Every structure is written in C-alpha cells, then in structure tokens.
Protein backbone atom coordinates (compact mmCIF):
# COMPACT_ATOMS: atom_id res chain seq x y z
CA UNK A 1 4.84 20.37 -10.04
CA UNK A 2 2.67 17.15 -8.99
CA UNK A 3 3.95 17.64 -5.35
CA UNK A 4 3.33 21.13 -5.47
CA UNK A 5 -0.38 20.27 -6.23
CA UNK A 6 -0.50 17.77 -3.57
CA UNK A 7 0.80 19.99 -0.82
CA UNK A 8 -0.89 22.74 1.65
CA UNK A 9 -1.03 26.02 0.42
CA UNK A 10 1.91 28.16 2.16
CA UNK A 11 1.99 31.96 2.06
CA UNK A 12 5.61 32.22 1.73
CA UNK A 13 7.04 31.99 -1.75
CA UNK A 14 9.22 28.97 -1.71
CA UNK A 15 7.19 26.21 -3.73
CA UNK A 16 10.80 25.10 -5.28
CA UNK A 17 11.93 24.36 -1.88
CA UNK A 18 9.18 22.36 -0.87
CA UNK A 19 9.10 20.31 -4.28
CA UNK A 20 12.88 19.50 -3.41
CA UNK A 21 12.01 18.39 -0.16
CA UNK A 22 8.95 16.53 -0.65
CA UNK A 23 9.68 15.27 -4.33
CA UNK A 24 13.47 14.74 -5.11
CA UNK A 25 14.68 15.05 -1.50
CA UNK A 26 12.51 12.14 -0.23
CA UNK A 27 13.67 10.22 -3.64
CA UNK A 28 16.94 10.71 -3.14
CA UNK A 29 16.89 9.72 0.84
CA UNK A 30 15.12 6.44 -0.09
CA UNK A 31 17.25 5.41 -3.50
CA UNK A 32 20.60 6.10 -1.30
CA UNK A 33 19.28 3.97 1.72
CA UNK A 34 18.18 1.36 -0.98
CA UNK A 35 21.31 1.39 -2.50
CA UNK A 36 23.41 1.26 0.29
CA UNK A 37 21.57 -1.52 1.85
CA UNK A 38 22.22 -3.56 -1.84
CA UNK A 39 25.93 -2.66 -1.34
CA UNK A 40 26.48 -3.70 2.01
CA UNK A 41 24.50 -7.18 1.57
CA UNK A 42 26.42 -7.76 -1.91
CA UNK A 43 29.78 -7.10 -0.10
CA UNK A 44 28.78 -9.38 2.87
CA UNK A 45 27.75 -12.25 0.18
CA UNK A 46 28.60 -11.65 -3.37
CA UNK A 47 26.04 -14.11 -4.39
CA UNK A 48 23.26 -11.65 -3.07
CA UNK A 49 23.46 -10.04 -6.77
CA UNK A 50 21.61 -12.60 -8.22
CA UNK A 51 18.46 -13.10 -10.49
CA UNK A 52 16.83 -15.17 -7.48
CA UNK A 53 17.45 -11.98 -5.26
CA UNK A 54 15.33 -10.16 -7.97
CA UNK A 55 12.60 -12.46 -7.84
CA UNK A 56 12.39 -12.71 -4.46
CA UNK A 57 12.13 -8.77 -4.02
CA UNK A 58 10.13 -8.37 -6.63
CA UNK A 59 7.42 -10.82 -5.44
CA UNK A 60 7.41 -9.03 -2.16
CA UNK A 61 6.84 -5.64 -3.86
CA UNK A 62 3.97 -6.82 -5.76
CA UNK A 63 1.60 -7.15 -2.73
CA UNK A 64 3.14 -4.69 -0.56
CA UNK A 65 3.06 -1.96 -3.36
CA UNK A 66 -0.57 -2.57 -4.30
CA UNK A 67 -1.46 -2.19 -0.75
CA UNK A 68 0.66 0.77 -0.27
CA UNK A 69 -1.12 2.64 -2.88
CA UNK A 70 -4.63 2.17 -1.12
CA UNK A 71 -2.96 3.24 2.11
CA UNK A 72 -1.42 6.36 0.36
CA UNK A 73 -4.86 7.18 -1.08
CA UNK A 74 -6.55 7.27 2.53
CA UNK A 75 -3.47 9.26 3.86
CA UNK A 76 -3.24 11.69 1.39
CA UNK A 77 -7.19 12.18 1.88
CA UNK A 78 -6.72 12.87 5.44
CA UNK A 79 -8.03 9.33 6.48
CA UNK A 80 -4.82 8.98 8.27
CA UNK A 81 -4.60 5.22 8.11
CA UNK A 82 -6.45 2.11 6.78
CA UNK A 83 -5.72 -0.68 9.38
CA UNK A 84 -8.12 -3.05 7.85
CA UNK A 85 -6.09 -3.87 4.83
CA UNK A 86 -4.60 -7.38 6.53
CA UNK A 87 -7.89 -8.57 6.68
CA UNK A 88 -9.39 -7.17 3.52
CA UNK A 89 -6.29 -8.63 1.74
CA UNK A 90 -7.18 -12.24 2.99
CA UNK A 91 -10.87 -11.93 2.70
CA UNK A 92 -10.54 -11.29 -1.30
CA UNK A 93 -7.91 -13.89 -1.39
CA UNK A 94 -10.06 -16.29 0.09
CA UNK A 95 -13.07 -15.39 -2.08
CA UNK A 96 -10.86 -15.81 -5.16
CA UNK A 97 -9.59 -19.19 -4.34
CA UNK A 98 -13.25 -20.36 -3.35
CA UNK A 99 -14.77 -18.88 -6.39
CA UNK A 100 -11.97 -20.54 -8.75
CA UNK A 101 -12.34 -23.83 -6.82
CA UNK A 102 -16.08 -23.73 -7.80
CA UNK A 103 -15.20 -23.64 -11.49
CA UNK A 104 -16.39 -20.18 -12.20
CA UNK A 105 -14.96 -18.24 -15.22
CA UNK A 106 -11.72 -16.51 -13.77
CA UNK A 107 -12.88 -13.16 -15.56
CA UNK A 108 -16.08 -13.50 -13.42
CA UNK A 109 -13.94 -14.31 -10.37
CA UNK A 110 -11.51 -11.10 -10.75
CA UNK A 111 -14.56 -8.82 -11.14
CA UNK A 112 -16.35 -10.31 -8.11
CA UNK A 113 -13.53 -10.13 -5.97
CA UNK A 114 -12.57 -6.67 -6.55
CA UNK A 115 -16.18 -5.92 -5.88
CA UNK A 116 -16.07 -7.75 -2.44
CA UNK A 117 -12.96 -5.62 -2.00
CA UNK A 118 -14.79 -2.58 -2.84
CA UNK A 119 -17.60 -3.15 -0.38
CA UNK A 120 -15.04 -3.80 2.45
CA UNK A 121 -13.90 -0.58 1.85
CA UNK A 122 -17.29 0.90 1.58
CA UNK A 123 -18.45 -0.49 4.77
CA UNK A 124 -15.63 1.26 6.56
CA UNK A 125 -16.36 4.57 5.22
CA UNK A 126 -20.10 3.88 6.00
CA UNK A 127 -19.13 3.38 9.91
CA UNK A 128 -16.86 6.15 9.55
CA UNK A 129 -18.99 8.86 8.03
CA UNK A 130 -22.41 7.93 9.84
CA UNK A 131 -20.84 7.38 13.26
CA UNK A 132 -18.57 10.26 12.85
CA UNK A 133 -15.72 8.32 14.11
CA UNK A 134 -11.99 7.95 13.65
CA UNK A 135 -10.91 6.03 10.74
CA UNK A 136 -8.01 4.82 12.59
CA UNK A 137 -10.20 3.69 15.21
CA UNK A 138 -12.84 1.83 12.94
CA UNK A 139 -10.58 0.35 10.54
CA UNK A 140 -8.63 -1.10 13.44
CA UNK A 141 -11.81 -2.61 15.10
CA UNK A 142 -12.80 -3.87 11.65
CA UNK A 143 -9.74 -5.47 11.09
CA UNK A 144 -10.20 -7.17 14.38
CA UNK A 145 -13.54 -8.32 13.48
CA UNK A 146 -12.85 -9.59 9.94
CA UNK A 147 -9.88 -11.55 11.29
CA UNK A 148 -11.90 -13.58 13.97
CA UNK A 149 -14.80 -13.79 11.35
CA UNK A 150 -12.28 -15.33 9.01
CA UNK A 151 -10.78 -17.76 11.82
CA UNK A 152 -14.54 -18.69 11.94
CA UNK A 153 -14.92 -19.36 8.33
CA UNK A 154 -11.56 -21.34 7.26
CA UNK A 155 -8.29 -22.58 8.91
CA UNK A 156 -6.37 -23.05 5.67
CA UNK A 157 -7.05 -22.13 2.06
CA UNK A 158 -5.50 -22.39 -1.54
CA UNK A 159 -6.09 -21.42 -5.04
CA UNK A 160 -6.49 -24.32 -7.48
CA UNK A 161 -3.16 -25.55 -7.98
CA UNK A 162 -3.93 -26.51 -11.71
CA UNK A 163 -5.49 -23.54 -12.76
CA UNK A 164 -4.41 -21.15 -15.20
CA UNK A 165 -4.66 -18.22 -12.12
CA UNK A 166 -2.17 -20.03 -10.26
CA UNK A 167 0.03 -20.43 -13.78
CA UNK A 168 -0.11 -16.67 -14.02
CA UNK A 169 0.77 -15.85 -10.16
CA UNK A 170 3.90 -18.38 -10.73
CA UNK A 171 5.05 -17.15 -14.10
CA UNK A 172 7.33 -14.44 -15.39
CA UNK A 173 7.73 -12.10 -18.01
CA UNK A 174 10.82 -10.31 -19.36
CA UNK A 175 12.83 -12.03 -16.12
CA UNK A 176 10.25 -10.59 -13.49
CA UNK A 177 7.48 -12.23 -11.87
CA UNK A 178 3.76 -11.69 -13.50
CA UNK A 179 2.31 -10.15 -10.34
CA UNK A 180 5.07 -7.50 -10.42
CA UNK A 181 3.59 -5.74 -13.53
CA UNK A 182 0.01 -5.16 -12.35
CA UNK A 183 1.54 -3.07 -9.53
CA UNK A 184 3.87 -1.22 -11.56
CA UNK A 185 0.99 -0.45 -13.70
CA UNK A 186 -1.20 0.55 -10.86
CA UNK A 187 1.35 3.08 -9.16
CA UNK A 188 1.97 4.51 -12.63
CA UNK A 189 -1.63 4.96 -13.61
CA UNK A 190 -2.81 6.23 -9.75
CA UNK A 191 0.34 8.40 -9.59
CA UNK A 192 -0.50 10.19 -12.73
CA UNK A 193 -4.38 10.71 -12.42
CA UNK A 194 -4.49 11.50 -8.61
CA UNK A 195 -3.16 15.33 -8.98
CA UNK A 196 -4.59 15.60 -12.63
CA UNK A 197 -8.25 14.76 -12.10
CA UNK A 198 -11.14 16.44 -10.45
CA UNK A 199 -11.58 13.70 -8.15
CA UNK A 200 -8.27 13.21 -7.27
CA UNK A 201 -7.81 17.03 -6.53
CA UNK A 202 -10.77 17.04 -4.31
CA UNK A 203 -9.21 14.21 -2.44
CA UNK A 204 -5.93 16.08 -2.04
CA UNK A 205 -7.97 19.16 -0.89
CA UNK A 206 -9.84 17.60 1.68
CA UNK A 207 -6.84 16.01 3.08
CA UNK A 208 -5.02 19.19 3.04
CA UNK A 209 -7.53 21.50 4.69
CA UNK A 210 -10.95 19.77 4.88
CA UNK A 211 -12.69 22.84 6.38
CA UNK A 212 -11.40 25.05 2.96
CA UNK A 213 -12.52 22.14 0.93
CA UNK A 214 -16.14 21.96 2.12
CA UNK A 215 -16.12 25.99 1.87
CA UNK A 216 -15.60 24.96 -1.88
CA UNK A 217 -18.33 22.75 -2.17
CA UNK A 218 -16.41 19.54 -1.74
CA UNK A 219 -17.94 16.93 -0.04
CA UNK A 220 -16.09 15.14 2.45
CA UNK A 221 -18.62 12.59 3.12
CA UNK A 222 -18.57 11.44 -0.77
CA UNK A 223 -14.76 11.82 -0.58
CA UNK A 224 -14.57 9.29 2.36
CA UNK A 225 -16.58 6.94 0.65
CA UNK A 226 -14.68 7.16 -2.74
CA UNK A 227 -11.21 7.02 -1.07
CA UNK A 228 -12.10 3.92 1.31
CA UNK A 229 -13.96 2.34 -1.52
CA UNK A 230 -10.88 2.71 -3.57
CA UNK A 231 -8.54 1.27 -0.68
CA UNK A 232 -10.77 -1.68 -0.91
CA UNK A 233 -10.24 -2.31 -4.62
CA UNK A 234 -6.50 -2.01 -4.07
CA UNK A 235 -6.92 -4.78 -1.29
CA UNK A 236 -8.85 -6.75 -3.76
CA UNK A 237 -6.40 -6.44 -6.50
CA UNK A 238 -3.64 -7.61 -3.83
CA UNK A 239 -6.02 -10.40 -2.77
CA UNK A 240 -5.87 -11.52 -6.12
CA UNK A 241 -2.19 -11.30 -6.80
CA UNK A 242 -1.60 -13.13 -3.04
CA UNK A 243 -4.05 -15.93 -4.28
CA UNK A 244 -2.33 -16.49 -7.32
CA UNK A 245 1.19 -16.68 -6.21
CA UNK A 246 0.95 -17.84 -2.65
CA UNK A 247 0.87 -21.39 -1.13
CA UNK A 248 -1.57 -22.24 1.29
CA UNK A 249 -2.60 -19.33 3.46
CA UNK A 250 -4.21 -18.59 6.59
CA UNK A 251 -6.36 -15.79 8.18
CA UNK A 252 -3.57 -14.54 9.66
CA UNK A 253 -1.20 -14.36 6.53
CA UNK A 254 -1.98 -10.69 5.83
CA UNK A 255 -0.90 -9.24 9.26
CA UNK A 256 2.93 -9.47 7.89
CA UNK A 257 2.03 -6.86 5.32
CA UNK A 258 0.80 -4.00 7.75
CA UNK A 259 3.98 -2.65 9.00
CA UNK A 260 5.85 -2.38 5.55
CA UNK A 261 2.74 -1.01 4.14
CA UNK A 262 2.38 1.95 6.51
CA UNK A 263 6.27 2.48 6.49
CA UNK A 264 6.12 2.39 2.50
CA UNK A 265 3.59 5.00 2.09
CA UNK A 266 4.99 7.36 4.83
CA UNK A 267 8.66 6.94 2.99
CA UNK A 268 6.90 7.86 -0.14
CA UNK A 269 6.32 11.23 1.43
CA UNK A 270 2.34 10.60 2.39
CA UNK A 271 1.88 13.03 5.34
CA UNK A 272 0.00 11.58 8.27
CA UNK A 273 -1.78 15.18 8.45
CA UNK A 274 -3.25 14.52 4.85
CA UNK A 275 -2.72 16.46 1.62
CA UNK A 276 0.48 15.70 0.53
CA UNK A 277 2.27 12.84 -0.88
CA UNK A 278 3.73 11.26 -4.07
CA UNK A 279 2.63 7.90 -5.46
CA UNK A 280 5.34 7.33 -7.73
CA UNK A 281 7.87 7.06 -4.68
CA UNK A 282 6.09 4.11 -3.58
CA UNK A 283 8.01 2.34 -6.07
CA UNK A 284 11.43 3.36 -4.22
CA UNK A 285 10.05 2.88 -0.72
CA UNK A 286 8.57 -0.59 -1.44
CA UNK A 287 11.85 -1.64 -3.30
CA UNK A 288 13.94 -0.59 -0.48
CA UNK A 289 11.62 -2.22 2.27
CA UNK A 290 11.09 -5.53 0.19
CA UNK A 291 14.75 -5.73 0.17
CA UNK A 292 15.35 -5.80 3.82
CA UNK A 293 14.01 -9.45 4.44
CA UNK A 294 15.97 -10.73 1.63
CA UNK A 295 19.24 -8.99 2.95
CA UNK A 296 18.66 -10.47 6.59
CA UNK A 297 18.61 -13.97 4.85
CA UNK A 298 21.76 -13.39 3.42
CA UNK A 299 23.07 -12.08 6.99
CA UNK A 300 22.03 -15.45 8.55
CA UNK A 301 19.12 -13.57 10.62
CA UNK A 302 16.01 -15.06 11.46
CA UNK A 303 12.64 -13.69 10.55
CA UNK A 304 12.21 -12.36 13.82
CA UNK A 305 14.59 -9.42 12.86
CA UNK A 306 12.36 -8.55 10.26
CA UNK A 307 9.83 -6.89 12.46
CA UNK A 308 12.54 -5.21 14.45
CA UNK A 309 14.10 -3.69 11.17
CA UNK A 310 10.52 -2.92 9.86
CA UNK A 311 9.39 -1.51 12.99
CA UNK A 312 12.65 0.74 13.28
CA UNK A 313 11.96 1.94 10.04
CA UNK A 314 8.51 2.74 10.67
CA UNK A 315 9.74 5.07 13.43
CA UNK A 316 12.43 6.61 11.31
CA UNK A 317 9.45 7.36 8.64
CA UNK A 318 7.14 8.87 11.04
CA UNK A 319 10.06 11.39 12.61
CA UNK A 320 10.44 12.33 9.04
CA UNK A 321 6.88 12.80 8.42
CA UNK A 322 6.83 14.76 11.74
CA UNK A 323 10.12 16.83 10.50
CA UNK A 324 8.17 17.54 6.88
CA UNK A 325 5.11 18.99 8.74
CA UNK A 326 7.12 21.03 11.06
CA UNK A 327 9.41 22.58 7.99
CA UNK A 328 6.24 23.12 5.96
CA UNK A 329 4.58 24.74 9.01
CA UNK A 330 7.03 27.39 9.29
C-alpha cells in the first residue's frame, strides 16, 4: 500500500485501481519495454547478451540511479525538478578528487564530499524559500552559475589512479561493479522509509496538497530545506561514485545525466505535480534507460542518437505523467 500512501486523497472508492495504475501498471509497462529492448538488441546482435553488456549497463545505472533518487524526492515533495544536479555531481566529484590527491583520509573525504553536496542543496533551498521563487528556475540558474564557476576553477580533473578509492570504483562484487551496490542500497532504503517515516510522509503530504499540509501544521519551508538538502546528499553520493569509476572529467561531464535522470524519475511514477511516486520503480526505469546507449552501440548508431532517444523517452514519460494526473483527477 505504499503507492496508496503516496497518492493524493481521492473521494471515490477506487484505491485498488489507482494502486494498479501507479504501482503494478507502471512497473509492468517499464519492465515490458526493457525486455523488448533487450530482445530486439539480442536478435540483432546475439553477442549483446554478454557479461560486458551487463557491466556497461550496471555502470550507467549506478550514477543515474543515485541521482534519480534525489530527483524523485524533489518531485514527490512538490519541488518539481532539481535542474542543478549536473553541477552538484561534478562539484562533489571534483572535491573528492582534490581532497584525495591532497592525501586526506578516504573516510574523511567521503564525509566532507557528502557535506558539500548537502550544502549545495541547502543553498538551493535557501534561495527558493526566502526568495519565494520557482524551484525549477532557481535550480536552472544555480546550475548555469555553478557550471561557469567550475570552468573557472578547472578544465580537467581525475581522482588519484593508484588510490584505493579508484580501485573500489573499478572493482566488482558478485559479477557487478562495486559502485552498483551503493545505488541499490540507496534505492531500497529510501523507498522503504519514505512512506513509513514521519518526515517522509510530511514530504509526500506537502507534494500532494501543500495547503492541506500546512493546515495540519506541516512546515513547507522546513520540508523544502530537508528535501533539497537530501537531493544534494544524493548528488554527493553520485559524485563519489563518479570520481571513483570515471577517468578524467571536465566541468561539462555531468550534463549528459540530466535527461535520463528526469526521465527515470517520471517513468518510475513520480508526478511532476507532486505527492506521488514509487522510489523502488527507479530500479526498473533506470535499468531500461541505461540499456538504451548500449543497445545503440550494438546497432552501430552514433552517440548523437542517444540524446534523440532520451528526449523522445522523456516526452513519452511526461505524456504518461499527464495522463495519470487526468485519470486521478476524474
């Protein structure tokens, strides 16, 4: 009944139908699309079904999945979208790389990197709350400002190659990349606790109907600060995984993640209007979207096609979200 808890309150007695649409229905559609993509790719190139393909998909899932959790939290709480994630990803990856290069203890580097991500999210919330501004506009602006500032600070960076941090990022466990497992843990933990804790239910309530939530004594301001700070922490986790597993990166390296992250959160049932979404479905949506670039390679298509397909998928996802809104409102 987690989906029912996340949904808007509807006077008509049909919660079971809504559960199937938003939970099982959404999962079934994404799972079928994913299986169809795998089947078509395997028919075209039988060698698509290999361990190397699984590794490539899992690597992509790791970063996109962590960022999608942060994006989903913002969406469910009624914050629409956090468009500053590309900058926060690279900012935290840069911080981790520079701190490790300075010889600091890896445990301290991890804590400090997560704190930097949290501060980024807190700064976004500060502008949104005290300026009473649209979160989409604010995060779009901070993303541009942050990206410009990053270009002033560095041109290319990389975590120390001979560090244990990089060894972890390039290693594997049970046949899957090490960085895949923190993503799985984050999705499972956040998906479990969001509808079952007081703070999670408050975020859902604010997203569903902020005026009703305020009437119940829930602070919109505190919720905004908590959610955007949490989104910043997710970006910090993604930044650590990115720095550990990637080679040299530039300030613009994070921009490629924004489209798939937004599409993944919407495909997971997160409503752009707020109040609804299933964090666990991110595993399906991210898996499907992370398979697309690998499939394109096997079909011999250039990387330019990746943006075209991702844009088309985003349009479809937004259309599905619009249909869900109309269906629930009936």
